[in-house]
Amino acid sequence: MGAFVAVLAAVVALAVAGAAVFLVTRPAEPLTVTAAESEVRDLTSLVPQPVNQPAGEQVQVQAQGQDRSRPQDRGRTPEPGPTPAATGGPGITLTPPRLLVVSQTTLPERTKADISRLKNVQKIDSFDGGAVKISGTGLNLLAVDTARFRAWAPKAVAAQPAVWEALDRGELVADGGAAQRLGLVLGAHYQVDGGPLLRVAASARFGLPGVDGLVGAETGRRLGLLPGVVLLVNGPENTSAKLGSLVRRLAGGGTQVITLGRARAARPATATPATGENGGKGGTGTASTEKDSGGGASAVRRVQVGRPGSYLDLYRRAAAVCPGLSWTVLAAIGQVESSHGRNNGPSSAGAQGPMQFMPATWKTYGVDGDGDGIADIWSPYDAVPGAANYLCANGAGQGGKKLEKAVWFYNHSWDYVSKVMSIAQAYARTYP
């Protein structure tokens, strides 16, 4: 073909213990590997990356015909595209998605009609989706009709004609976080396992958790993506939580419903019963919270972790939240749950962020580790010390059987406990 075929700079895990692949195309065939089955990671070179990025960041576009896949070009940052316009472009009325609905099979037309008739639902639209492999690594892709999907994109992305032209040419537009995480090079061509070459023409933040990139509708059909498994729902932002509950009921079991935008941000901690972090029914520990000056609602609990430059330092600092807890246990949980921030979910059970907290548990045990005033379930600087806080509330600082039981509370499986303890021992040997 004359095109240079690049391989991924690093093979990373997109599925974790207790979590499902976000989008699937062939349920009978395993599409990813689990983080826990791989060797321990080099924590000194892994930089924590908060994923709750603002939607209006600039888009990176690679000019057509250029190829940056040469080894000496890897890691360079392409020049940003033109400054985004104030609107989504001529004739584009933006309708920000409030809910992302992901089904294992094509959503029935009747279900979509029922959702569209819900009070406060102003617009819905469905798209194709699924997982493909490139050099053995899974990517979760959304296949879109550009004329329809552009209205759902963040303002800065909708205003970039190059993004939509690339999709119409059959090229891939990677999510900005996924491009960085996977080492994708703008302008390079990648061979889909058993499928066509895909050129990475641009990267942008679409604000859709678990989606690694977009392709056009025709490219999606060539890749074998499932039709109509993804639904976007628009309505007033202050109704998102209630709408999510109603949509989940209509969509049925096995369907994920994820709240998007500011409504998904973590709120201050409140006292609620503990629950297991991958959908278990809960532990018995409690955590202290700081009251606000008025003695009313609970305020965000602050801990001194800061923003360390590596996951190794982050785990070590966060362990101090729980005297007696080894940082290696936190590191092992971080590897099993998200491969240290590479697969932040949401999981099939609804767990979120690098330490895969259930939102209800986060309300009680989440902390503000970097001092920005927010306990953000998606930020490693908050999530890792939050995990230490949760483990400590269940006796992890006492070691021995108490530690094992605390890990069991994190995910109600003794196989999970054994896996975490084994990886923790490996980290202790690697970083004595």
Protein backbone atom coordinates (compact mmCIF):
# COMPACT_ATOMS: atom_id res chain seq x y z
CA MET A 1 0.00 0.00 0.00
CA GLY A 2 3.01 2.27 0.36
CA ALA A 3 1.72 3.58 3.69
CA PHE A 4 3.85 3.31 6.74
CA VAL A 5 2.20 1.05 9.30
CA ALA A 6 2.94 2.15 12.86
CA VAL A 7 2.55 0.06 15.95
CA LEU A 8 1.36 1.37 19.28
CA ALA A 9 4.10 2.90 21.38
CA ALA A 10 2.88 0.99 24.39
CA VAL A 11 0.44 -1.88 24.91
CA VAL A 12 -1.90 -1.04 27.77
CA ALA A 13 -4.84 -2.78 29.35
CA LEU A 14 -8.32 -1.44 28.74
CA ALA A 15 -10.16 -3.89 30.98
CA VAL A 16 -9.69 -4.48 34.68
CA ALA A 17 -10.76 -7.02 37.26
CA GLY A 18 -14.42 -6.50 38.00
CA ALA A 19 -14.93 -4.18 35.03
CA ALA A 20 -16.23 -4.85 31.54
CA VAL A 21 -15.10 -3.53 28.20
CA PHE A 22 -16.99 -0.29 27.68
CA LEU A 23 -18.11 -1.15 24.16
CA VAL A 24 -18.08 -4.63 22.66
CA THR A 25 -18.54 -6.03 19.17
CA ARG A 26 -17.98 -9.77 19.55
CA PRO A 27 -19.06 -10.87 23.06
CA ALA A 28 -17.84 -14.44 22.56
CA GLU A 29 -14.30 -13.30 21.79
CA PRO A 30 -12.07 -11.68 24.44
CA LEU A 31 -11.09 -8.22 23.23
CA THR A 32 -8.73 -7.06 25.96
CA VAL A 33 -6.40 -8.31 28.66
CA THR A 34 -6.69 -7.57 32.34
CA ALA A 35 -4.21 -5.36 34.11
CA ALA A 36 -3.81 -7.87 36.91
CA GLU A 37 -2.49 -10.53 34.54
CA SER A 38 0.44 -8.39 33.39
CA GLU A 39 3.74 -7.71 35.14
CA VAL A 40 4.05 -4.84 37.59
CA ARG A 41 4.29 -1.44 35.97
CA ASP A 42 7.21 0.98 36.11
CA LEU A 43 5.63 3.46 38.50
CA THR A 44 8.46 5.99 38.26
CA SER A 45 7.62 6.80 34.63
CA LEU A 46 3.83 6.81 34.98
CA VAL A 47 2.54 10.35 35.40
CA PRO A 48 -0.87 10.78 37.04
CA GLN A 49 -3.29 12.43 34.61
CA PRO A 50 -6.62 13.85 35.83
CA VAL A 51 -9.23 12.92 33.21
CA ASN A 52 -12.02 15.35 34.05
CA GLN A 53 -10.72 17.87 31.51
CA PRO A 54 -12.63 20.98 30.41
CA ALA A 55 -14.56 20.39 27.23
CA GLY A 56 -13.31 23.53 25.50
CA GLU A 57 -9.67 22.67 25.00
CA GLN A 58 -8.06 23.05 21.61
CA VAL A 59 -8.10 20.37 18.96
CA GLN A 60 -4.92 18.92 17.47
CA VAL A 61 -5.06 18.28 13.74
CA GLN A 62 -2.47 16.69 11.47
CA ALA A 63 -2.38 17.92 7.89
CA GLN A 64 -3.45 15.35 5.30
CA GLY A 65 -0.56 13.67 3.55
CA GLN A 66 1.94 14.14 6.38
CA ASP A 67 3.17 11.08 8.25
CA ARG A 68 4.60 11.44 11.73
CA SER A 69 4.93 7.76 12.46
CA ARG A 70 8.74 7.67 12.25
CA PRO A 71 10.35 6.60 15.56
CA GLN A 72 12.21 9.91 15.90
CA ASP A 73 8.89 11.74 15.75
CA ARG A 74 7.22 9.81 18.55
CA GLY A 75 6.19 11.91 21.53
CA ARG A 76 6.31 15.26 19.72
CA THR A 77 3.34 17.54 20.23
CA PRO A 78 1.77 18.65 16.95
CA GLU A 79 0.97 22.31 16.50
CA PRO A 80 -2.57 23.08 17.67
CA GLY A 81 -5.23 23.85 15.14
CA PRO A 82 -6.77 27.27 14.68
CA THR A 83 -8.45 28.96 17.62
CA PRO A 84 -11.96 27.53 18.00
CA ALA A 85 -14.86 29.71 17.00
CA ALA A 86 -17.45 30.84 19.52
CA THR A 87 -20.08 28.52 18.06
CA GLY A 88 -20.19 25.05 16.59
CA GLY A 89 -19.95 26.46 13.09
CA PRO A 90 -22.48 27.80 10.56
CA GLY A 91 -25.93 26.35 11.09
CA ILE A 92 -24.85 24.21 14.06
CA THR A 93 -26.96 24.41 17.22
CA LEU A 94 -25.10 22.64 20.02
CA THR A 95 -27.00 20.23 22.26
CA PRO A 96 -24.57 19.03 24.95
CA PRO A 97 -25.16 15.41 25.96
CA ARG A 98 -26.28 14.92 29.54
CA LEU A 99 -26.42 11.12 29.45
CA LEU A 100 -24.36 8.51 27.60
CA VAL A 101 -26.28 5.25 27.26
CA VAL A 102 -24.35 2.15 26.16
CA SER A 103 -26.12 -1.11 25.41
CA GLN A 104 -24.71 -4.57 24.73
CA THR A 105 -27.07 -4.90 21.76
CA THR A 106 -28.90 -2.55 19.40
CA LEU A 107 -31.35 -0.44 21.37
CA PRO A 108 -34.91 -1.19 20.19
CA GLU A 109 -36.76 1.65 18.47
CA ARG A 110 -39.54 1.36 21.03
CA THR A 111 -37.07 1.87 23.88
CA LYS A 112 -35.64 4.96 22.19
CA ALA A 113 -39.15 6.30 21.64
CA ASP A 114 -40.02 5.75 25.31
CA ILE A 115 -36.85 7.58 26.37
CA SER A 116 -37.58 10.48 24.02
CA ARG A 117 -41.01 10.92 25.63
CA LEU A 118 -39.63 11.24 29.16
CA LYS A 119 -40.23 14.57 30.85
CA ASN A 120 -37.28 16.97 30.37
CA VAL A 121 -35.75 14.93 27.52
CA GLN A 122 -35.22 17.46 24.74
CA LYS A 123 -33.25 15.42 22.20
CA ILE A 124 -31.83 11.93 21.68
CA ASP A 125 -29.72 10.34 18.98
CA SER A 126 -28.17 6.90 18.56
CA PHE A 127 -24.85 5.86 17.02
CA ASP A 128 -22.88 2.71 16.29
CA GLY A 129 -20.04 1.58 18.52
CA GLY A 130 -17.70 -1.22 19.44
CA ALA A 131 -14.16 -2.29 20.23
CA VAL A 132 -11.40 -3.01 17.73
CA LYS A 133 -7.81 -4.10 18.22
CA ILE A 134 -4.67 -2.42 16.95
CA SER A 135 -1.49 -4.42 17.49
CA GLY A 136 -3.40 -6.43 20.10
CA THR A 137 -4.58 -3.36 22.03
CA GLY A 138 -8.29 -2.58 22.28
CA LEU A 139 -9.78 0.76 21.27
CA ASN A 140 -13.39 1.67 21.99
CA LEU A 141 -14.76 3.51 18.97
CA LEU A 142 -17.93 5.40 18.15
CA ALA A 143 -19.08 5.50 14.52
CA VAL A 144 -20.99 8.69 13.75
CA ASP A 145 -22.83 10.49 11.00
CA THR A 146 -20.92 13.77 11.12
CA ALA A 147 -23.90 15.94 10.21
CA ARG A 148 -25.82 14.62 13.23
CA PHE A 149 -23.05 14.10 15.75
CA ARG A 150 -21.42 17.53 15.33
CA ALA A 151 -24.20 19.14 17.37
CA TRP A 152 -23.36 16.84 20.30
CA ALA A 153 -19.67 17.76 20.34
CA PRO A 154 -18.07 20.32 22.69
CA LYS A 155 -18.00 23.83 21.24
CA ALA A 156 -14.26 23.84 20.50
CA VAL A 157 -14.51 20.54 18.65
CA ALA A 158 -17.69 21.34 16.73
CA ALA A 159 -16.02 24.51 15.42
CA GLN A 160 -13.14 22.59 13.80
CA PRO A 161 -14.02 21.67 10.19
CA ALA A 162 -10.84 19.55 9.93
CA VAL A 163 -12.25 17.08 12.49
CA TRP A 164 -15.42 16.45 10.50
CA GLU A 165 -13.65 16.39 7.16
CA ALA A 166 -11.28 13.72 8.53
CA LEU A 167 -14.20 11.55 9.61
CA ASP A 168 -15.85 11.92 6.22
CA ARG A 169 -12.55 10.80 4.60
CA GLY A 170 -12.65 7.59 6.62
CA GLU A 171 -9.95 8.61 9.11
CA LEU A 172 -9.79 8.27 12.90
CA VAL A 173 -10.17 11.16 15.31
CA ALA A 174 -8.73 10.00 18.63
CA ASP A 175 -9.85 11.20 22.02
CA GLY A 176 -7.10 13.46 23.34
CA GLY A 177 -6.60 11.45 26.51
CA ALA A 178 -6.55 8.13 24.64
CA ALA A 179 -4.02 9.45 22.12
CA GLN A 180 -1.66 10.39 24.91
CA ARG A 181 -2.26 7.21 26.90
CA LEU A 182 -1.73 4.90 23.94
CA GLY A 183 1.09 6.82 22.27
CA LEU A 184 -0.89 7.43 19.09
CA VAL A 185 0.97 9.66 16.63
CA LEU A 186 -1.02 12.17 14.60
CA GLY A 187 -0.66 11.52 10.90
CA ALA A 188 0.36 7.88 11.40
CA HIS A 189 -1.45 4.87 9.94
CA TYR A 190 -2.41 1.96 12.21
CA GLN A 191 -3.38 -1.53 11.16
CA VAL A 192 -6.61 -2.78 12.69
CA ASP A 193 -6.24 -6.47 13.52
CA GLY A 194 -8.07 -8.27 10.71
CA GLY A 195 -9.29 -4.96 9.29
CA PRO A 196 -8.27 -1.85 7.37
CA LEU A 197 -5.59 0.77 7.94
CA LEU A 198 -6.73 3.79 9.93
CA ARG A 199 -4.99 7.13 9.74
CA VAL A 200 -5.08 9.20 12.95
CA ALA A 201 -5.96 12.59 11.52
CA ALA A 202 -6.72 14.55 14.69
CA SER A 203 -7.27 14.35 18.43
CA ALA A 204 -9.89 16.11 20.51
CA ARG A 205 -11.67 15.81 23.85
CA PHE A 206 -15.25 14.71 23.28
CA GLY A 207 -16.15 14.32 26.95
CA LEU A 208 -17.49 10.77 26.50
CA PRO A 209 -15.97 8.46 29.14
CA GLY A 210 -14.65 5.20 27.75
CA VAL A 211 -14.72 6.31 24.10
CA ASP A 212 -11.19 6.28 22.66
CA GLY A 213 -12.03 7.80 19.29
CA LEU A 214 -14.49 8.48 16.50
CA VAL A 215 -14.80 7.16 12.95
CA GLY A 216 -17.35 7.93 10.28
CA ALA A 217 -20.45 5.79 9.85
CA GLU A 218 -19.17 4.01 6.74
CA THR A 219 -15.81 3.24 8.40
CA GLY A 220 -17.72 1.88 11.38
CA ARG A 221 -19.57 -0.54 9.14
CA ARG A 222 -16.26 -1.70 7.61
CA LEU A 223 -14.95 -2.31 11.11
CA GLY A 224 -18.04 -4.31 12.09
CA LEU A 225 -19.18 -1.99 14.87
CA LEU A 226 -22.58 -2.72 16.32
CA PRO A 227 -25.45 -0.56 15.05
CA GLY A 228 -27.34 1.68 17.43
CA VAL A 229 -25.75 0.58 20.72
CA VAL A 230 -24.94 4.11 21.92
CA LEU A 231 -27.54 6.73 22.77
CA LEU A 232 -26.94 10.39 23.67
CA VAL A 233 -29.61 12.22 25.66
CA ASN A 234 -29.99 15.99 26.05
CA GLY A 235 -32.04 17.84 28.62
CA PRO A 236 -31.70 20.39 31.43
CA GLU A 237 -28.49 19.71 33.34
CA ASN A 238 -30.20 19.90 36.74
CA THR A 239 -32.41 16.95 35.76
CA SER A 240 -29.57 14.63 34.67
CA ALA A 241 -29.56 12.46 37.79
CA LYS A 242 -33.30 11.83 37.73
CA LEU A 243 -33.28 11.27 33.97
CA GLY A 244 -30.46 8.77 34.34
CA SER A 245 -32.51 6.70 36.75
CA LEU A 246 -35.54 6.70 34.45
CA VAL A 247 -33.48 5.89 31.35
CA ARG A 248 -31.74 3.03 33.14
CA ARG A 249 -35.12 1.54 34.03
CA LEU A 250 -36.37 1.77 30.44
CA ALA A 251 -33.15 0.46 28.89
CA GLY A 252 -33.06 -2.64 31.08
CA GLY A 253 -30.28 -4.70 32.59
CA GLY A 254 -26.82 -4.76 31.08
CA THR A 255 -27.11 -1.16 29.83
CA GLN A 256 -24.77 1.49 31.16
CA VAL A 257 -26.09 5.00 31.79
CA ILE A 258 -23.38 7.59 32.46
CA THR A 259 -24.04 11.17 33.54
CA LEU A 260 -21.96 13.70 31.60
CA GLY A 261 -20.79 17.28 32.12
CA ARG A 262 -20.60 19.07 35.44
CA ALA A 263 -23.32 16.84 36.85
CA ARG A 264 -20.86 13.94 36.92
CA ALA A 265 -18.35 15.83 39.13
CA ALA A 266 -17.92 14.53 42.65
CA ARG A 267 -19.78 16.29 45.43
CA PRO A 268 -18.68 16.88 49.03
CA ALA A 269 -18.61 13.85 51.28
CA THR A 270 -21.71 12.87 53.21
CA ALA A 271 -22.29 10.01 55.61
CA THR A 272 -23.70 6.99 53.75
CA PRO A 273 -23.25 3.25 54.28
CA ALA A 274 -20.07 1.77 52.82
CA THR A 275 -20.34 -0.30 49.66
CA GLY A 276 -17.91 -2.59 47.90
CA GLU A 277 -16.08 -0.76 45.12
CA ASN A 278 -17.01 -3.00 42.21
CA GLY A 279 -20.66 -3.35 43.03
CA GLY A 280 -20.41 -5.32 46.30
CA LYS A 281 -22.90 -4.71 49.08
CA GLY A 282 -20.60 -3.03 51.45
CA GLY A 283 -18.34 -2.94 54.41
CA THR A 284 -18.85 -1.80 57.96
CA GLY A 285 -16.23 0.91 58.46
CA THR A 286 -16.84 4.63 58.77
CA ALA A 287 -14.70 7.62 57.94
CA SER A 288 -14.47 10.96 59.67
CA THR A 289 -15.35 14.12 57.75
CA GLU A 290 -14.76 17.78 58.50
CA LYS A 291 -17.84 19.89 59.18
CA ASP A 292 -18.25 23.31 57.61
CA SER A 293 -18.14 26.42 59.76
CA GLY A 294 -21.89 26.41 60.09
CA GLY A 295 -21.98 22.86 61.38
CA GLY A 296 -24.27 21.82 58.55
CA ALA A 297 -23.47 19.66 55.57
CA SER A 298 -20.21 17.76 55.50
CA ALA A 299 -17.32 19.50 53.72
CA VAL A 300 -14.66 17.93 51.56
CA ARG A 301 -12.05 16.16 53.67
CA ARG A 302 -8.58 17.45 52.81
CA VAL A 303 -5.36 15.49 52.97
CA GLN A 304 -1.82 16.59 52.12
CA VAL A 305 -0.79 14.68 49.01
CA GLY A 306 -0.30 17.41 46.41
CA ARG A 307 0.39 16.55 42.76
CA PRO A 308 3.37 14.17 42.67
CA GLY A 309 5.05 13.71 39.31
CA SER A 310 4.82 9.90 39.29
CA TYR A 311 2.43 7.21 40.45
CA LEU A 312 5.17 5.82 42.67
CA ASP A 313 5.37 9.05 44.68
CA LEU A 314 1.58 9.38 44.68
CA TYR A 315 1.04 5.91 46.16
CA ARG A 316 3.73 6.51 48.77
CA ARG A 317 2.32 9.85 49.86
CA ALA A 318 -1.26 8.59 49.85
CA ALA A 319 -0.39 5.64 52.09
CA ALA A 320 0.38 8.16 54.86
CA VAL A 321 -3.37 8.81 55.06
CA CYS A 322 -3.58 5.39 56.74
CA PRO A 323 -0.71 4.75 59.18
CA GLY A 324 0.34 1.12 58.88
CA LEU A 325 -0.87 0.70 55.29
CA SER A 326 1.84 -0.16 52.77
CA TRP A 327 1.86 1.91 49.60
CA THR A 328 2.32 -1.34 47.68
CA VAL A 329 -1.28 -2.33 48.46
CA LEU A 330 -2.53 0.95 46.99
CA ALA A 331 -0.34 0.38 43.93
CA ALA A 332 -1.67 -3.15 43.50
CA ILE A 333 -5.28 -1.97 43.70
CA GLY A 334 -4.47 0.81 41.25
CA GLN A 335 -3.06 -1.72 38.80
CA VAL A 336 -5.96 -4.16 39.11
CA GLU A 337 -8.65 -1.48 38.98
CA SER A 338 -7.45 0.77 36.15
CA SER A 339 -3.85 -0.12 35.22
CA HIS A 340 -2.85 3.12 36.97
CA GLY A 341 -5.32 5.43 35.29
CA ARG A 342 -5.40 3.79 31.86
CA ASN A 343 -8.98 2.56 32.14
CA ASN A 344 -10.96 4.89 34.34
CA GLY A 345 -14.35 3.46 33.42
CA PRO A 346 -17.17 3.76 34.19
CA SER A 347 -17.25 0.00 34.72
CA SER A 348 -20.28 -2.15 33.97
CA ALA A 349 -21.22 -1.79 37.65
CA GLY A 350 -20.83 2.01 37.55
CA ALA A 351 -17.44 2.28 39.28
CA GLN A 352 -15.52 5.40 38.25
CA GLY A 353 -12.04 6.85 38.18
CA PRO A 354 -8.51 5.44 38.54
CA MET A 355 -9.38 3.62 41.77
CA GLN A 356 -12.85 2.55 40.54
CA PHE A 357 -15.02 3.96 43.31
CA MET A 358 -18.77 3.55 43.32
CA PRO A 359 -20.18 7.11 43.52
CA ALA A 360 -22.15 6.38 46.68
CA THR A 361 -19.00 5.23 48.46
CA TRP A 362 -17.04 8.20 47.17
CA LYS A 363 -19.51 10.56 48.84
CA THR A 364 -18.35 9.22 52.19
CA TYR A 365 -14.69 8.41 51.65
CA GLY A 366 -13.59 10.73 48.85
CA VAL A 367 -10.93 13.30 49.76
CA ASP A 368 -9.33 16.41 48.31
CA GLY A 369 -5.73 15.30 47.95
CA ASP A 370 -4.31 18.15 45.87
CA GLY A 371 -5.89 21.07 47.70
CA ASP A 372 -8.06 22.39 44.86
CA GLY A 373 -11.19 22.31 47.02
CA ILE A 374 -12.84 19.43 45.14
CA ALA A 375 -12.94 15.71 45.89
CA ASP A 376 -12.83 14.50 42.28
CA ILE A 377 -13.50 10.80 41.76
CA TRP A 378 -11.76 11.02 38.37
CA SER A 379 -8.53 12.62 39.63
CA PRO A 380 -5.73 10.28 40.77
CA TYR A 381 -4.58 12.95 43.26
CA ASP A 382 -7.91 12.56 45.05
CA ALA A 383 -8.83 8.96 44.19
CA VAL A 384 -5.63 7.30 45.47
CA PRO A 385 -5.71 8.92 48.94
CA GLY A 386 -9.47 8.33 48.89
CA ALA A 387 -8.76 4.62 48.49
CA ALA A 388 -6.35 4.78 51.42
CA ASN A 389 -9.05 6.48 53.46
CA TYR A 390 -11.58 3.79 52.56
CA LEU A 391 -9.18 0.95 53.31
CA CYS A 392 -8.22 2.53 56.62
CA ALA A 393 -11.85 2.86 57.67
CA ASN A 394 -12.10 -0.90 57.27
CA GLY A 395 -8.98 -1.68 59.34
CA ALA A 396 -6.24 -1.88 56.69
CA GLY A 397 -3.72 -0.08 58.90
CA GLN A 398 -3.76 -3.00 61.34
CA GLY A 399 -2.23 -5.36 58.77
CA GLY A 400 -2.62 -9.14 58.63
CA LYS A 401 -6.14 -10.48 58.37
CA LYS A 402 -7.55 -7.00 58.96
CA LEU A 403 -5.75 -5.77 55.86
CA GLU A 404 -7.05 -8.68 53.80
CA LYS A 405 -10.59 -8.04 55.02
CA ALA A 406 -10.25 -4.33 54.14
CA VAL A 407 -9.20 -5.28 50.60
CA TRP A 408 -12.15 -7.67 50.47
CA PHE A 409 -14.45 -4.73 51.31
CA TYR A 410 -12.98 -2.94 48.30
CA ASN A 411 -14.17 -5.76 46.04
CA HIS A 412 -16.10 -8.64 47.55
CA SER A 413 -13.96 -11.45 46.17
CA TRP A 414 -11.24 -13.46 47.88
CA ASP A 415 -9.69 -14.09 44.46
CA TYR A 416 -9.44 -10.32 44.16
CA VAL A 417 -7.76 -10.15 47.57
CA SER A 418 -5.21 -12.80 46.58
CA LYS A 419 -4.48 -11.00 43.33
CA VAL A 420 -3.97 -7.65 45.06
CA MET A 421 -1.71 -9.10 47.75
CA SER A 422 0.36 -10.94 45.15
CA ILE A 423 0.88 -7.78 43.09
CA ALA A 424 1.69 -5.82 46.26
CA GLN A 425 4.46 -8.32 47.07
CA ALA A 426 5.80 -7.90 43.54
CA TYR A 427 5.92 -4.13 44.00
CA ALA A 428 7.72 -4.57 47.32
CA ARG A 429 10.38 -6.62 45.54
CA THR A 430 10.64 -4.15 42.67
CA TYR A 431 10.87 -1.05 44.88
CA PRO A 432 12.56 -2.21 48.12
